[in-house]
Each structure stands twice: as structure tokens, then as C-alpha cells.
C-alpha atoms as a PDB file:
ATOM      1  CA  MET A   1     -11.547  19.080  28.882  1.00  0.00           C
ATOM      2  CA  LYS A   2     -12.032  18.083  25.454  1.00  0.00           C
ATOM      3  CA  LYS A   3     -16.081  17.324  24.366  1.00  0.00           C
ATOM      4  CA  GLU A   4     -16.666  13.573  23.733  1.00  0.00           C
ATOM      5  CA  SER A   5     -18.459  13.013  20.063  1.00  0.00           C
ATOM      6  CA  LYS A   6     -21.815  12.207  20.307  1.00  0.00           C
ATOM      7  CA  TYR A   7     -20.964   9.732  17.196  1.00  0.00           C
ATOM      8  CA  GLN A   8     -20.126   6.105  17.298  1.00  0.00           C
ATOM      9  CA  SER A   9     -19.202   4.414  14.276  1.00  0.00           C
ATOM     10  CA  HIS A  10     -21.642   1.464  13.010  1.00  0.00           C
ATOM     11  CA  LEU A  11     -20.365  -1.794  13.466  1.00  0.00           C
ATOM     12  CA  PRO A  12     -21.848  -4.146  10.790  1.00  0.00           C
ATOM     13  CA  ASN A  13     -23.532  -7.553  10.949  1.00  0.00           C
ATOM     14  CA  SER A  14     -22.520 -10.826  10.509  1.00  0.00           C
ATOM     15  CA  GLU A  15     -22.307 -10.800   6.717  1.00  0.00           C
ATOM     16  CA  GLY A  16     -20.627  -7.598   6.993  1.00  0.00           C
ATOM     17  CA  ILE A  17     -23.485  -4.903   6.289  1.00  0.00           C
ATOM     18  CA  VAL A  18     -24.141  -2.038   8.195  1.00  0.00           C
ATOM     19  CA  GLU A  19     -27.456  -1.314   9.049  1.00  0.00           C
ATOM     20  CA  TYR A  20     -28.410   1.961   8.482  1.00  0.00           C
ATOM     21  CA  SER A  21     -31.687   3.878   9.974  1.00  0.00           C
ATOM     22  CA  ASN A  22     -34.792   5.113   7.382  1.00  0.00           C
ATOM     23  CA  VAL A  23     -33.580   8.253   9.206  1.00  0.00           C
ATOM     24  CA  GLU A  24     -30.023   8.285   8.265  1.00  0.00           C
ATOM     25  CA  ASN A  25     -30.952   6.680   4.217  1.00  0.00           C
ATOM     26  CA  GLU A  26     -32.811  10.166   4.675  1.00  0.00           C
ATOM     27  CA  THR A  27     -29.794  12.378   5.384  1.00  0.00           C
ATOM     28  CA  TRP A  28     -27.460  10.650   3.181  1.00  0.00           C
ATOM     29  CA  ASP A  29     -29.707  11.112   0.639  1.00  0.00           C
ATOM     30  CA  PHE A  30     -30.968  15.280   1.153  1.00  0.00           C
ATOM     31  CA  LEU A  31     -27.161  15.496   1.050  1.00  0.00           C
ATOM     32  CA  VAL A  32     -26.186  13.745  -1.494  1.00  0.00           C
ATOM     33  CA  SER A  33     -29.262  15.932  -4.039  1.00  0.00           C
ATOM     34  CA  ARG A  34     -28.489  18.947  -2.291  1.00  0.00           C
ATOM     35  CA  GLN A  35     -24.456  18.734  -3.012  1.00  0.00           C
ATOM     36  CA  ASP A  36     -25.069  17.119  -6.874  1.00  0.00           C
ATOM     37  CA  ARG A  37     -27.122  20.488  -7.755  1.00  0.00           C
ATOM     38  CA  LEU A  38     -24.563  22.686  -6.348  1.00  0.00           C
ATOM     39  CA  ILE A  39     -20.916  21.261  -7.477  1.00  0.00           C
ATOM     40  CA  GLN A  40     -22.556  21.162 -11.451  1.00  0.00           C
ATOM     41  CA  SER A  41     -20.484  24.688 -11.744  1.00  0.00           C
ATOM     42  CA  ARG A  42     -18.503  24.453  -9.163  1.00  0.00           C
ATOM     43  CA  ALA A  43     -16.847  21.314  -9.047  1.00  0.00           C
ATOM     44  CA  CYS A  44     -13.531  20.100 -11.704  1.00  0.00           C
ATOM     45  CA  LYS A  45     -15.041  17.821 -14.271  1.00  0.00           C
ATOM     46  CA  GLU A  46     -12.443  15.059 -13.096  1.00  0.00           C
ATOM     47  CA  PHE A  47     -15.098  14.761  -9.858  1.00  0.00           C
ATOM     48  CA  ILE A  48     -17.891  14.894 -11.785  1.00  0.00           C
ATOM     49  CA  HIS A  49     -17.569  12.211 -13.911  1.00  0.00           C
ATOM     50  CA  GLY A  50     -16.503  10.047 -10.520  1.00  0.00           C
ATOM     51  CA  VAL A  51     -19.689  11.503  -9.216  1.00  0.00           C
ATOM     52  CA  ASP A  52     -20.875   9.218 -11.997  1.00  0.00           C
ATOM     53  CA  LEU A  53     -19.118   6.750 -11.558  1.00  0.00           C
ATOM     54  CA  LEU A  54     -20.007   5.670  -8.357  1.00  0.00           C
ATOM     55  CA  SER A  55     -23.958   5.967  -8.807  1.00  0.00           C
ATOM     56  CA  PHE A  56     -25.106   7.370  -5.296  1.00  0.00           C
ATOM     57  CA  THR A  57     -28.360   6.157  -4.567  1.00  0.00           C
ATOM     58  CA  ASN A  58     -31.000   7.368  -1.916  1.00  0.00           C
ATOM     59  CA  LYS A  59     -29.279   5.108   1.086  1.00  0.00           C
ATOM     60  CA  VAL A  60     -25.496   5.344   2.658  1.00  0.00           C
ATOM     61  CA  PRO A  61     -23.690   3.175   0.828  1.00  0.00           C
ATOM     62  CA  GLN A  62     -22.009   0.343   1.513  1.00  0.00           C
ATOM     63  CA  HIS A  63     -17.921   0.365   2.390  1.00  0.00           C
ATOM     64  CA  PHE A  64     -17.028  -2.411   0.263  1.00  0.00           C
ATOM     65  CA  GLU A  65     -19.445  -0.855  -2.773  1.00  0.00           C
ATOM     66  CA  VAL A  66     -17.661   2.121  -3.254  1.00  0.00           C
ATOM     67  CA  SER A  67     -14.372  -0.215  -2.765  1.00  0.00           C
ATOM     68  CA  ASN A  68     -15.121  -2.029  -5.415  1.00  0.00           C
ATOM     69  CA  ILE A  69     -15.573   0.855  -7.840  1.00  0.00           C
ATOM     70  CA  LEU A  70     -12.196   2.085  -6.642  1.00  0.00           C
ATOM     71  CA  LYS A  71     -10.073  -0.821  -7.056  1.00  0.00           C
ATOM     72  CA  GLU A  72     -12.037  -1.098 -10.454  1.00  0.00           C
ATOM     73  CA  HIS A  73     -10.569   1.973 -11.946  1.00  0.00           C
ATOM     74  CA  THR A  74      -7.272   2.902  -9.583  1.00  0.00           C
ATOM     75  CA  GLY A  75      -7.195  -0.157  -7.226  1.00  0.00           C
ATOM     76  CA  TRP A  76      -7.863   1.570  -3.937  1.00  0.00           C
ATOM     77  CA  ALA A  77     -10.017   1.193  -0.983  1.00  0.00           C
ATOM     78  CA  ILE A  78     -11.841   2.880   1.640  1.00  0.00           C
ATOM     79  CA  GLU A  79     -10.690   1.326   5.317  1.00  0.00           C
ATOM     80  CA  PRO A  80     -13.560   1.327   8.293  1.00  0.00           C
ATOM     81  CA  VAL A  81     -11.829   3.282  10.690  1.00  0.00           C
ATOM     82  CA  PRO A  82     -14.505   4.992  14.472  1.00  0.00           C
ATOM     83  CA  ALA A  83     -13.940   8.858  12.942  1.00  0.00           C
ATOM     84  CA  ILE A  84     -10.403  10.968  13.859  1.00  0.00           C
ATOM     85  CA  ILE A  85      -7.620   8.607  13.842  1.00  0.00           C
ATOM     86  CA  PRO A  86      -3.866   9.231  14.636  1.00  0.00           C
ATOM     87  CA  ALA A  87      -2.026  11.438  12.031  1.00  0.00           C
ATOM     88  CA  GLN A  88       0.697   7.764  11.149  1.00  0.00           C
ATOM     89  CA  GLN A  89      -1.928   5.865  10.673  1.00  0.00           C
ATOM     90  CA  PHE A  90      -4.296   7.911   8.266  1.00  0.00           C
ATOM     91  CA  PHE A  91      -0.540   8.865   6.487  1.00  0.00           C
ATOM     92  CA  GLU A  92       0.402   4.678   6.297  1.00  0.00           C
ATOM     93  CA  LEU A  93      -3.277   4.187   5.118  1.00  0.00           C
ATOM     94  CA  LEU A  94      -2.792   6.075   2.338  1.00  0.00           C
ATOM     95  CA  ALA A  95       0.526   5.000   1.483  1.00  0.00           C
ATOM     96  CA  ASN A  96      -1.263   1.265   1.294  1.00  0.00           C
ATOM     97  CA  LYS A  97      -3.873   2.661  -1.206  1.00  0.00           C
ATOM     98  CA  LYS A  98      -6.498   2.955   1.642  1.00  0.00           C
ATOM     99  CA  PHE A  99      -8.596   5.647   2.003  1.00  0.00           C
ATOM    100  CA  PRO A 100     -10.172   5.972   5.994  1.00  0.00           C
ATOM    101  CA  CYS A 101     -13.834   6.267   5.872  1.00  0.00           C
ATOM    102  CA  ALA A 102     -16.297   6.077   9.828  1.00  0.00           C
ATOM    103  CA  ASN A 103     -19.265   4.490   8.963  1.00  0.00           C
ATOM    104  CA  PHE A 104     -21.812   6.981  10.412  1.00  0.00           C
ATOM    105  CA  ILE A 105     -23.146   9.842   9.337  1.00  0.00           C
ATOM    106  CA  ARG A 106     -24.193  13.642  11.117  1.00  0.00           C
ATOM    107  CA  THR A 107     -27.504  14.507  12.210  1.00  0.00           C
ATOM    108  CA  LYS A 108     -30.091  16.791  11.030  1.00  0.00           C
ATOM    109  CA  GLU A 109     -28.962  19.178  13.735  1.00  0.00           C
ATOM    110  CA  ASP A 110     -25.862  19.043  12.383  1.00  0.00           C
ATOM    111  CA  ILE A 111     -26.859  18.900   8.793  1.00  0.00           C
ATOM    112  CA  ASP A 112     -24.914  21.657   7.601  1.00  0.00           C
ATOM    113  CA  TYR A 113     -21.337  21.410   9.196  1.00  0.00           C
ATOM    114  CA  LEU A 114     -19.926  18.613  10.714  1.00  0.00           C
ATOM    115  CA  GLU A 115     -16.465  18.665  12.448  1.00  0.00           C
ATOM    116  CA  GLU A 116     -15.782  15.425  12.372  1.00  0.00           C
ATOM    117  CA  PRO A 117     -15.246  13.767   8.945  1.00  0.00           C
ATOM    118  CA  ASP A 118     -18.452  11.396   8.663  1.00  0.00           C
ATOM    119  CA  ILE A 119     -19.107   8.880   5.598  1.00  0.00           C
ATOM    120  CA  PHE A 120     -20.428  11.885   3.524  1.00  0.00           C
ATOM    121  CA  HIS A 121     -17.649  14.097   3.880  1.00  0.00           C
ATOM    122  CA  GLU A 122     -15.176  11.237   3.317  1.00  0.00           C
ATOM    123  CA  VAL A 123     -17.252   9.012   0.736  1.00  0.00           C
ATOM    124  CA  TYR A 124     -18.682  12.162  -1.077  1.00  0.00           C
ATOM    125  CA  GLY A 125     -16.160  14.796  -0.397  1.00  0.00           C
ATOM    126  CA  HIS A 126     -13.048  12.456  -2.004  1.00  0.00           C
ATOM    127  CA  CYS A 127     -13.684   9.402  -3.190  1.00  0.00           C
ATOM    128  CA  PRO A 128     -15.523  10.296  -6.367  1.00  0.00           C
ATOM    129  CA  LEU A 129     -11.384  11.821  -7.212  1.00  0.00           C
ATOM    130  CA  LEU A 130      -9.831   8.303  -6.229  1.00  0.00           C
ATOM    131  CA  THR A 131     -11.575   7.091  -9.099  1.00  0.00           C
ATOM    132  CA  ASN A 132      -8.915   9.757 -11.076  1.00  0.00           C
ATOM    133  CA  GLU A 133      -5.473   7.792 -11.180  1.00  0.00           C
ATOM    134  CA  ALA A 134      -3.929  11.591 -11.293  1.00  0.00           C
ATOM    135  CA  TYR A 135      -5.404  11.915  -7.659  1.00  0.00           C
ATOM    136  CA  ALA A 136      -5.245   8.787  -6.796  1.00  0.00           C
ATOM    137  CA  ASN A 137      -1.406   8.250  -7.493  1.00  0.00           C
ATOM    138  CA  PHE A 138      -0.367  11.467  -4.982  1.00  0.00           C
ATOM    139  CA  MET A 139      -2.153  10.541  -2.409  1.00  0.00           C
ATOM    140  CA  GLN A 140      -0.336   7.509  -2.404  1.00  0.00           C
ATOM    141  CA  GLU A 141       3.349   9.046  -2.732  1.00  0.00           C
ATOM    142  CA  TYR A 142       1.895  11.781  -0.424  1.00  0.00           C
ATOM    143  CA  GLY A 143       1.110   8.905   2.364  1.00  0.00           C
ATOM    144  CA  LYS A 144       4.230   7.291   1.773  1.00  0.00           C
ATOM    145  CA  LEU A 145       6.197  10.689   2.559  1.00  0.00           C
ATOM    146  CA  ALA A 146       4.529  12.252   5.234  1.00  0.00           C
ATOM    147  CA  SER A 147       4.386   8.310   6.599  1.00  0.00           C
ATOM    148  CA  LYS A 148       8.407   8.677   7.197  1.00  0.00           C
ATOM    149  CA  VAL A 149       8.520  11.615   9.432  1.00  0.00           C
ATOM    150  CA  THR A 150       7.493  12.958  12.596  1.00  0.00           C
ATOM    151  CA  GLY A 151       5.832  14.727  15.092  1.00  0.00           C
ATOM    152  CA  LYS A 152       5.857  18.739  13.959  1.00  0.00           C
ATOM    153  CA  VAL A 153       7.102  17.764  10.703  1.00  0.00           C
ATOM    154  CA  ARG A 154       4.084  15.415   9.799  1.00  0.00           C
ATOM    155  CA  MET A 155       1.656  17.963  11.109  1.00  0.00           C
ATOM    156  CA  ARG A 156       3.202  20.645   9.210  1.00  0.00           C
ATOM    157  CA  LEU A 157       2.910  18.583   5.882  1.00  0.00           C
ATOM    158  CA  PHE A 158      -0.799  17.725   6.703  1.00  0.00           C
ATOM    159  CA  ARG A 159      -1.413  21.382   6.419  1.00  0.00           C
ATOM    160  CA  LEU A 160      -0.354  21.321   2.627  1.00  0.00           C
ATOM    161  CA  PHE A 161      -2.526  18.045   2.277  1.00  0.00           C
ATOM    162  CA  TRP A 162      -5.013  20.711   4.168  1.00  0.00           C
ATOM    163  CA  PHE A 163      -4.797  22.931   1.519  1.00  0.00           C
ATOM    164  CA  THR A 164      -5.047  20.755  -1.524  1.00  0.00           C
ATOM    165  CA  ILE A 165      -7.037  17.576  -1.217  1.00  0.00           C
ATOM    166  CA  GLU A 166      -9.187  19.121   1.403  1.00  0.00           C
ATOM    167  CA  PHE A 167      -9.618  22.856   0.133  1.00  0.00           C
ATOM    168  CA  GLY A 168      -7.616  23.112  -3.041  1.00  0.00           C
ATOM    169  CA  LEU A 169      -8.956  24.832  -6.676  1.00  0.00           C
ATOM    170  CA  LEU A 170      -8.172  24.197 -10.276  1.00  0.00           C
ATOM    171  CA  LYS A 171      -8.443  27.000 -12.820  1.00  0.00           C
ATOM    172  CA  GLU A 172     -10.490  24.883 -15.514  1.00  0.00           C
ATOM    173  CA  ASP A 173     -11.039  27.542 -18.423  1.00  0.00           C
ATOM    174  CA  ASP A 174      -9.985  29.948 -16.871  1.00  0.00           C
ATOM    175  CA  GLU A 175     -12.866  29.790 -14.471  1.00  0.00           C
ATOM    176  CA  TYR A 176     -12.308  28.745 -10.272  1.00  0.00           C
ATOM    177  CA  ARG A 177     -13.453  24.852  -9.884  1.00  0.00           C
ATOM    178  CA  ALA A 178     -13.369  23.118  -6.428  1.00  0.00           C
ATOM    179  CA  TYR A 179     -11.173  19.305  -6.111  1.00  0.00           C
ATOM    180  CA  GLY A 180     -10.992  19.576  -2.372  1.00  0.00           C
ATOM    181  CA  GLY A 181     -13.277  17.146  -0.446  1.00  0.00           C
ATOM    182  CA  GLY A 182     -13.392  20.031   2.894  1.00  0.00           C
ATOM    183  CA  ILE A 183     -15.323  22.343  -0.353  1.00  0.00           C
ATOM    184  CA  LEU A 184     -17.160  19.890  -1.963  1.00  0.00           C
ATOM    185  CA  SER A 185     -18.951  17.941   1.011  1.00  0.00           C
ATOM    186  CA  SER A 186     -20.117  21.423   2.208  1.00  0.00           C
ATOM    187  CA  LYS A 187     -22.705  23.228   0.960  1.00  0.00           C
ATOM    188  CA  ASN A 188     -21.759  26.802   2.266  1.00  0.00           C
ATOM    189  CA  GLU A 189     -17.843  26.302   0.963  1.00  0.00           C
ATOM    190  CA  THR A 190     -19.554  25.319  -2.239  1.00  0.00           C
ATOM    191  CA  VAL A 191     -20.701  28.394  -2.947  1.00  0.00           C
ATOM    192  CA  TYR A 192     -18.460  30.895  -0.991  1.00  0.00           C
ATOM    193  CA  ALA A 193     -15.301  29.112  -2.240  1.00  0.00           C
ATOM    194  CA  ILE A 194     -16.021  29.746  -5.890  1.00  0.00           C
ATOM    195  CA  ASP A 195     -18.796  32.751  -6.383  1.00  0.00           C
ATOM    196  CA  SER A 196     -17.554  34.559  -3.344  1.00  0.00           C
ATOM    197  CA  ASP A 197     -15.385  37.812  -3.756  1.00  0.00           C
ATOM    198  CA  ILE A 198     -14.482  37.811  -0.304  1.00  0.00           C
ATOM    199  CA  PRO A 199     -11.438  34.888  -0.147  1.00  0.00           C
ATOM    200  CA  GLU A 200      -7.799  35.128  -1.646  1.00  0.00           C
ATOM    201  CA  ARG A 201      -7.252  32.547  -4.381  1.00  0.00           C
ATOM    202  CA  VAL A 202      -3.912  32.405  -4.416  1.00  0.00           C
ATOM    203  CA  ASP A 203      -1.545  29.834  -7.000  1.00  0.00           C
ATOM    204  CA  LEU A 204       0.038  27.298  -5.365  1.00  0.00           C
ATOM    205  CA  ASN A 205       3.480  27.356  -7.180  1.00  0.00           C
ATOM    206  CA  ASP A 206       5.580  27.344  -3.636  1.00  0.00           C
ATOM    207  CA  PRO A 207       4.259  25.185  -1.772  1.00  0.00           C
ATOM    208  CA  MET A 208       6.268  26.756   1.281  1.00  0.00           C
ATOM    209  CA  ILE A 209       3.799  29.213   1.157  1.00  0.00           C
ATOM    210  CA  ALA A 210       0.857  27.083   1.967  1.00  0.00           C
ATOM    211  CA  LEU A 211       3.026  25.276   4.504  1.00  0.00           C
ATOM    212  CA  ARG A 212       3.578  28.430   6.288  1.00  0.00           C
ATOM    213  CA  THR A 213      -0.083  29.464   5.960  1.00  0.00           C
ATOM    214  CA  PRO A 214      -2.197  28.642   9.521  1.00  0.00           C
ATOM    215  CA  TYR A 215      -5.783  27.799   8.838  1.00  0.00           C
ATOM    216  CA  ARG A 216      -8.983  27.156  10.761  1.00  0.00           C
ATOM    217  CA  ILE A 217     -11.333  23.922  10.353  1.00  0.00           C
ATOM    218  CA  ASP A 218     -14.443  25.490  11.907  1.00  0.00           C
ATOM    219  CA  ILE A 219     -14.677  28.421   9.443  1.00  0.00           C
ATOM    220  CA  LEU A 220     -15.036  29.189   5.741  1.00  0.00           C
ATOM    221  CA  GLN A 221     -11.416  29.646   4.746  1.00  0.00           C
ATOM    222  CA  PRO A 222     -10.045  32.923   4.023  1.00  0.00           C
ATOM    223  CA  VAL A 223      -7.364  32.060   1.624  1.00  0.00           C
ATOM    224  CA  TYR A 224      -7.809  29.119  -1.265  1.00  0.00           C
ATOM    225  CA  PHE A 225      -4.467  27.357  -3.415  1.00  0.00           C
ATOM    226  CA  VAL A 226      -5.535  27.102  -6.970  1.00  0.00           C
ATOM    227  CA  LEU A 227      -3.186  24.695  -9.140  1.00  0.00           C
ATOM    228  CA  GLN A 228      -4.193  24.595 -13.140  1.00  0.00           C
ATOM    229  CA  LYS A 229      -4.763  21.050 -13.643  1.00  0.00           C
ATOM    230  CA  LEU A 230      -4.792  17.941 -11.382  1.00  0.00           C
ATOM    231  CA  ASP A 231      -2.035  16.286 -12.362  1.00  0.00           C
ATOM    232  CA  ASP A 232      -0.031  19.638 -11.300  1.00  0.00           C
ATOM    233  CA  LEU A 233      -0.387  18.358  -8.077  1.00  0.00           C
ATOM    234  CA  PHE A 234       2.787  15.759  -8.879  1.00  0.00           C
ATOM    235  CA  LYS A 235       4.751  19.262  -9.443  1.00  0.00           C
ATOM    236  CA  LEU A 236       4.483  19.718  -5.731  1.00  0.00           C
ATOM    237  CA  PHE A 237       7.152  17.075  -5.513  1.00  0.00           C
ATOM    238  CA  ASP A 238       9.888  18.752  -7.515  1.00  0.00           C
ATOM    239  CA  HIS A 239      10.462  20.853  -4.222  1.00  0.00           C
ATOM    240  CA  ASP A 240      11.865  18.677  -1.470  1.00  0.00           C
ATOM    241  CA  LEU A 241       8.757  18.345   0.628  1.00  0.00           C
ATOM    242  CA  ILE A 242      10.521  17.708   4.196  1.00  0.00           C
ATOM    243  CA  LYS A 243      12.805  19.937   3.994  1.00  0.00           C
ATOM    244  CA  CYS A 244      10.160  22.545   2.957  1.00  0.00           C
ATOM    245  CA  ALA A 245       8.182  21.576   6.335  1.00  0.00           C
ATOM    246  CA  GLU A 246      10.957  21.357   7.991  1.00  0.00           C
ATOM    247  CA  GLU A 247      12.104  25.187   7.319  1.00  0.00           C
ATOM    248  CA  SER A 248       8.463  26.485   7.702  1.00  0.00           C
ATOM    249  CA  LEU A 249       8.705  25.594  11.023  1.00  0.00           C
ATOM    250  CA  ILE A 250      11.714  27.266  11.731  1.00  0.00           C
ATOM    251  CA  LEU A 251      10.421  30.618   9.728  1.00  0.00           C
ATOM    252  CA  GLY A 252       7.346  30.365  11.514  1.00  0.00           C
ATOM    253  CA  ASN A 253       3.498  31.332  10.522  1.00  0.00           C
ATOM    254  CA  PHE A 254       2.622  33.714   8.232  1.00  0.00           C
ATOM    255  CA  PRO A 255       0.336  35.973  10.439  1.00  0.00           C
ATOM    256  CA  PRO A 256      -3.658  34.957  10.227  1.00  0.00           C
ATOM    257  CA  LYS A 257      -6.065  36.089   7.654  1.00  0.00           C
ATOM    258  CA  PHE A 258      -9.017  35.133  10.595  1.00  0.00           C
ATOM    259  CA  GLU A 259      -9.810  35.943  13.815  1.00  0.00           C
ATOM    260  CA  PRO A 260      -8.785  33.432  16.873  1.00  0.00           C
ATOM    261  CA  LYS A 261     -11.119  30.323  17.887  1.00  0.00           C
ATOM    262  CA  PRO A 262     -13.192  32.254  20.462  1.00  0.00           C
ATOM    263  CA  LYS A 263     -11.874  30.403  24.286  1.00  0.00           C
ATOM    264  CA  PRO A 264     -14.564  28.673  25.882  1.00  0.00           C
ATOM    265  CA  THR A 265     -16.116  29.645  28.952  1.00  0.00           C
ATOM    266  CA  THR A 266     -15.334  27.855  31.778  1.00  0.00           C
ATOM    267  CA  GLU A 267     -19.526  26.973  32.005  1.00  0.00           C
ATOM    268  CA  SER A 268     -19.325  25.190  28.090  1.00  0.00           C
ATOM    269  CA  VAL A 269     -15.874  23.308  29.438  1.00  0.00           C
ATOM    270  CA  MET A 270     -17.522  21.527  32.540  1.00  0.00           C
ATOM    271  CA  SER A 271     -21.136  21.078  30.055  1.00  0.00           C
END
């Protein structure tokens, strides 16, 4: 039986304001301050520029504050959602230049890792690059593409999304730099993806390779796919991605580069 989340999105007041607690604001401030230090030599220059444009303060930002800045630069906005939403809804929002974003923030007990996407992951991890035209346009076009298909094909397309938008790397001045939001909202992944000699880093020339590569969401990634620059995201559309996704399902996965996720014990399932 799936464990229910302890997190719930806040309801805004009559003026459309979410009233975050002092503890929630302190958590946001801690996370932003920590990541600001870590990304300086590890994030791509477009991401760092986006962080500067968003001008985060020591308080959790309101959705409309972030949206106003995104609209000014690329016409995007963030859309309040409960937490994890169905893939169809997720891609339809992207197709309409709306980035889904819950408005809860992790507790201190989950400060270094949270499986659910909270406002820090969504706003700090993804919104800086939504000020960048190439990245934002790719997100919209990918949303349009993935919202046309159903079921397994859509989930396969999400795999490529995972290896780019969530965990993608660039080569910048012959150095690896991160642009994926899953990396740049994580203390451990930010350092590991760039500094460690453990993971593989593979040029993303053929999307079929990424589409056939399995992943786990609860570990440091064993493989990262690399582009030369953000504009190269659009080169992925030179391939028929829907056909590639369909073919990857027929061909099957490559052997995983990670151990299977431990199965929960009877005790933990019932607790």
C-alpha cells in the first residue's frame, strides 16, 4: 500500500497570498543560500543568470512574483498544483507555457532529499532557466509532443525529459556544467554530477540511448547525458521522438547501472 504524503500545498488567502511560517521561510533561506554557493562553479552560465534575474529573497516566493518575471522574459508562468500530477496534465501545462509548481516546502527532516517536488525544487531548480528562450521554447515544444501520445509512449518520453531537463549536463569551456533542475536543487547531486569521477557522462547525440536507459529517482544518478549548449536541446527534434520512443519500448531497456530498489518489508508496508 502506498504511503500517503505528509506534505500538502497551502491554500492562498483572499488576496492570493500564501502565508508561509517562519520555519518555512527559514528553510527556504537555508536551501537558497546553500545552493547559491554550490552552483557558482557547477551550474551553466544561463542558470546562474536566471537566478540573478529571479532575485530570490530570504522568504518563500509567491507564485505570482515568479510568474511576473518569467512572463517578462519568455511569456511563461508557474501553475499552482497539489504536488505530483498525472503525466498528461504535466505535459499539457508545459504546452501552454505553464510550469506546474506546488507551494509546500520540505521540512528540516527532509532537508537534503525529498522525493516529491516541493517549491524549492520547482522554483529554484527549474525557473531560472525558464527565463532563457531556448530552454523555455524546448519545454513548450516537448510538452506539445508528449501530450499527443498516450500511456507507455508518454512515460518513455518522460525518460528523455528526465535525462535532459531534470538531470542534464552541458560542456562549457571544456568543463561539465549542470542545467538539470534535479541536479541544481540538490546539494549532493550538484557536487556529485560535476566533481565525482564515479558517474558516466555520455554525449547525447542519439536520443534512443537515453530512451533505453533506466533510472531510479531515489539515488545519485549513475549516468548523465551531455549537450554542448542549451540550443542543442532542439537538435533532439531532428529525430522523430515519438517513433524513437515507440521503438525503444520494443527494443527494451539497457541493463541498469544501479542496484534494484529494496522491496519494503511487511512491517514498513503496514506502518
